[in-house]
Amino acid sequence: MQYADRLGASIQDCAVIDDSEEVCSTFARLGGTPLHVTTERATDAILDGLLQKH
């Protein structure tokens, strides 16, 4: 939240990429979009997917 606030962004417009289920769950409860890194879904695959959307 502090980074979103500092940048004047709404948490609903923010995403977090993390391998922690707890971090992802907390971020989702706050209204953001969690992108959970797993052994099946690596960070580079998540970033590639984001780039393909834009």
N, C-alpha and C. Protein backbone atom coordinates (compact mmCIF):
# COMPACT_ATOMS: atom_id res chain seq x y z
N MET A 1 0.82 -1.19 0.00
CA MET A 1 0.00 0.00 0.00
C MET A 1 0.87 1.26 0.00
N GLN A 2 1.99 1.23 0.70
CA GLN A 2 2.81 2.44 0.78
C GLN A 2 3.34 2.84 -0.59
N TYR A 3 3.67 1.87 -1.44
CA TYR A 3 4.17 2.20 -2.78
C TYR A 3 3.05 2.75 -3.65
N ALA A 4 1.89 2.14 -3.56
CA ALA A 4 0.75 2.65 -4.33
C ALA A 4 0.41 4.07 -3.89
N ASP A 5 0.39 4.29 -2.59
CA ASP A 5 0.09 5.62 -2.07
C ASP A 5 1.14 6.63 -2.51
N ARG A 6 2.40 6.23 -2.42
CA ARG A 6 3.49 7.14 -2.79
C ARG A 6 3.41 7.55 -4.26
N LEU A 7 2.96 6.62 -5.09
CA LEU A 7 2.87 6.90 -6.53
C LEU A 7 1.51 7.44 -6.95
N GLY A 8 0.59 7.54 -6.00
CA GLY A 8 -0.75 8.04 -6.30
C GLY A 8 -1.58 7.05 -7.09
N ALA A 9 -1.29 5.76 -6.94
CA ALA A 9 -2.00 4.72 -7.68
C ALA A 9 -3.05 4.06 -6.79
N SER A 10 -4.09 3.61 -7.41
CA SER A 10 -5.10 2.82 -6.70
C SER A 10 -4.60 1.38 -6.61
N ILE A 11 -4.82 0.74 -5.48
CA ILE A 11 -4.38 -0.65 -5.31
C ILE A 11 -5.05 -1.55 -6.34
N GLN A 12 -6.24 -1.19 -6.79
CA GLN A 12 -6.93 -1.98 -7.81
C GLN A 12 -6.20 -1.97 -9.15
N ASP A 13 -5.32 -1.00 -9.34
CA ASP A 13 -4.54 -0.89 -10.56
C ASP A 13 -3.14 -1.48 -10.42
N CYS A 14 -2.87 -2.12 -9.27
CA CYS A 14 -1.54 -2.65 -8.98
C CYS A 14 -1.52 -4.17 -9.01
N ALA A 15 -0.33 -4.69 -9.30
CA ALA A 15 -0.12 -6.14 -9.29
C ALA A 15 1.16 -6.43 -8.52
N VAL A 16 1.21 -7.60 -7.93
CA VAL A 16 2.42 -8.06 -7.26
C VAL A 16 2.78 -9.43 -7.82
N ILE A 17 4.05 -9.64 -8.06
CA ILE A 17 4.56 -10.94 -8.51
C ILE A 17 5.37 -11.49 -7.36
N ASP A 18 4.93 -12.63 -6.82
CA ASP A 18 5.59 -13.17 -5.64
C ASP A 18 5.38 -14.68 -5.58
N ASP A 19 6.31 -15.35 -4.89
CA ASP A 19 6.17 -16.80 -4.74
C ASP A 19 5.54 -17.19 -3.41
N SER A 20 5.15 -16.21 -2.62
CA SER A 20 4.54 -16.48 -1.32
C SER A 20 3.02 -16.47 -1.42
N GLU A 21 2.40 -17.56 -1.03
CA GLU A 21 0.94 -17.64 -1.03
C GLU A 21 0.36 -16.60 -0.08
N GLU A 22 1.02 -16.38 1.04
CA GLU A 22 0.56 -15.40 2.03
C GLU A 22 0.58 -13.99 1.45
N VAL A 23 1.66 -13.61 0.79
CA VAL A 23 1.75 -12.29 0.17
C VAL A 23 0.67 -12.12 -0.88
N CYS A 24 0.50 -13.12 -1.73
CA CYS A 24 -0.51 -13.04 -2.79
C CYS A 24 -1.92 -12.95 -2.22
N SER A 25 -2.21 -13.71 -1.19
CA SER A 25 -3.53 -13.67 -0.56
C SER A 25 -3.80 -12.31 0.08
N THR A 26 -2.82 -11.78 0.77
CA THR A 26 -2.97 -10.48 1.41
C THR A 26 -3.18 -9.39 0.37
N PHE A 27 -2.40 -9.43 -0.70
CA PHE A 27 -2.52 -8.43 -1.75
C PHE A 27 -3.91 -8.49 -2.40
N ALA A 28 -4.40 -9.69 -2.62
CA ALA A 28 -5.75 -9.86 -3.20
C ALA A 28 -6.81 -9.30 -2.26
N ARG A 29 -6.68 -9.55 -0.96
CA ARG A 29 -7.65 -9.02 0.02
C ARG A 29 -7.65 -7.50 0.02
N LEU A 30 -6.49 -6.90 -0.26
CA LEU A 30 -6.40 -5.44 -0.30
C LEU A 30 -6.97 -4.86 -1.59
N GLY A 31 -7.23 -5.73 -2.58
CA GLY A 31 -7.84 -5.29 -3.82
C GLY A 31 -6.92 -5.29 -5.03
N GLY A 32 -5.67 -5.71 -4.84
CA GLY A 32 -4.73 -5.76 -5.95
C GLY A 32 -4.79 -7.09 -6.68
N THR A 33 -3.99 -7.20 -7.73
CA THR A 33 -3.92 -8.42 -8.52
C THR A 33 -2.65 -9.18 -8.18
N PRO A 34 -2.78 -10.35 -7.56
CA PRO A 34 -1.59 -11.14 -7.25
C PRO A 34 -1.24 -12.05 -8.43
N LEU A 35 0.04 -12.15 -8.73
CA LEU A 35 0.52 -13.05 -9.76
C LEU A 35 1.49 -14.00 -9.06
N HIS A 36 1.00 -15.18 -8.75
CA HIS A 36 1.72 -16.14 -7.91
C HIS A 36 2.73 -16.93 -8.73
N VAL A 37 3.99 -16.84 -8.34
CA VAL A 37 5.07 -17.60 -8.96
C VAL A 37 5.08 -19.00 -8.35
N THR A 38 5.10 -20.01 -9.21
CA THR A 38 5.19 -21.40 -8.76
C THR A 38 6.22 -22.13 -9.62
N THR A 39 6.45 -23.37 -9.32
CA THR A 39 7.38 -24.14 -10.15
C THR A 39 6.81 -24.32 -11.55
N GLU A 40 5.50 -24.31 -11.69
CA GLU A 40 4.86 -24.44 -12.99
C GLU A 40 4.70 -23.10 -13.70
N ARG A 41 4.77 -22.00 -12.97
CA ARG A 41 4.53 -20.66 -13.51
C ARG A 41 5.64 -19.73 -13.03
N ALA A 42 6.71 -19.64 -13.80
CA ALA A 42 7.87 -18.85 -13.42
C ALA A 42 7.63 -17.36 -13.67
N THR A 43 8.47 -16.55 -13.04
CA THR A 43 8.36 -15.10 -13.18
C THR A 43 8.42 -14.65 -14.64
N ASP A 44 9.34 -15.23 -15.41
CA ASP A 44 9.45 -14.80 -16.81
C ASP A 44 8.19 -15.13 -17.61
N ALA A 45 7.53 -16.22 -17.30
CA ALA A 45 6.28 -16.57 -17.98
C ALA A 45 5.18 -15.57 -17.61
N ILE A 46 5.15 -15.15 -16.36
CA ILE A 46 4.16 -14.15 -15.92
C ILE A 46 4.41 -12.83 -16.64
N LEU A 47 5.67 -12.40 -16.70
CA LEU A 47 6.00 -11.15 -17.38
C LEU A 47 5.70 -11.23 -18.87
N ASP A 48 6.00 -12.36 -19.49
CA ASP A 48 5.66 -12.54 -20.91
C ASP A 48 4.16 -12.40 -21.13
N GLY A 49 3.38 -13.00 -20.24
CA GLY A 49 1.93 -12.90 -20.35
C GLY A 49 1.43 -11.47 -20.22
N LEU A 50 2.04 -10.71 -19.33
CA LEU A 50 1.65 -9.30 -19.17
C LEU A 50 2.00 -8.50 -20.41
N LEU A 51 3.15 -8.76 -20.99
CA LEU A 51 3.57 -8.03 -22.19
C LEU A 51 2.67 -8.33 -23.38
N GLN A 52 2.18 -9.57 -23.46
CA GLN A 52 1.32 -9.96 -24.56
C GLN A 52 -0.05 -9.29 -24.49
N LYS A 53 -0.46 -8.89 -23.29
CA LYS A 53 -1.75 -8.23 -23.12
C LYS A 53 -1.73 -6.80 -23.62
N HIS A 54 -0.55 -6.22 -23.72
CA HIS A 54 -0.46 -4.79 -24.07
C HIS A 54 0.18 -4.60 -25.39
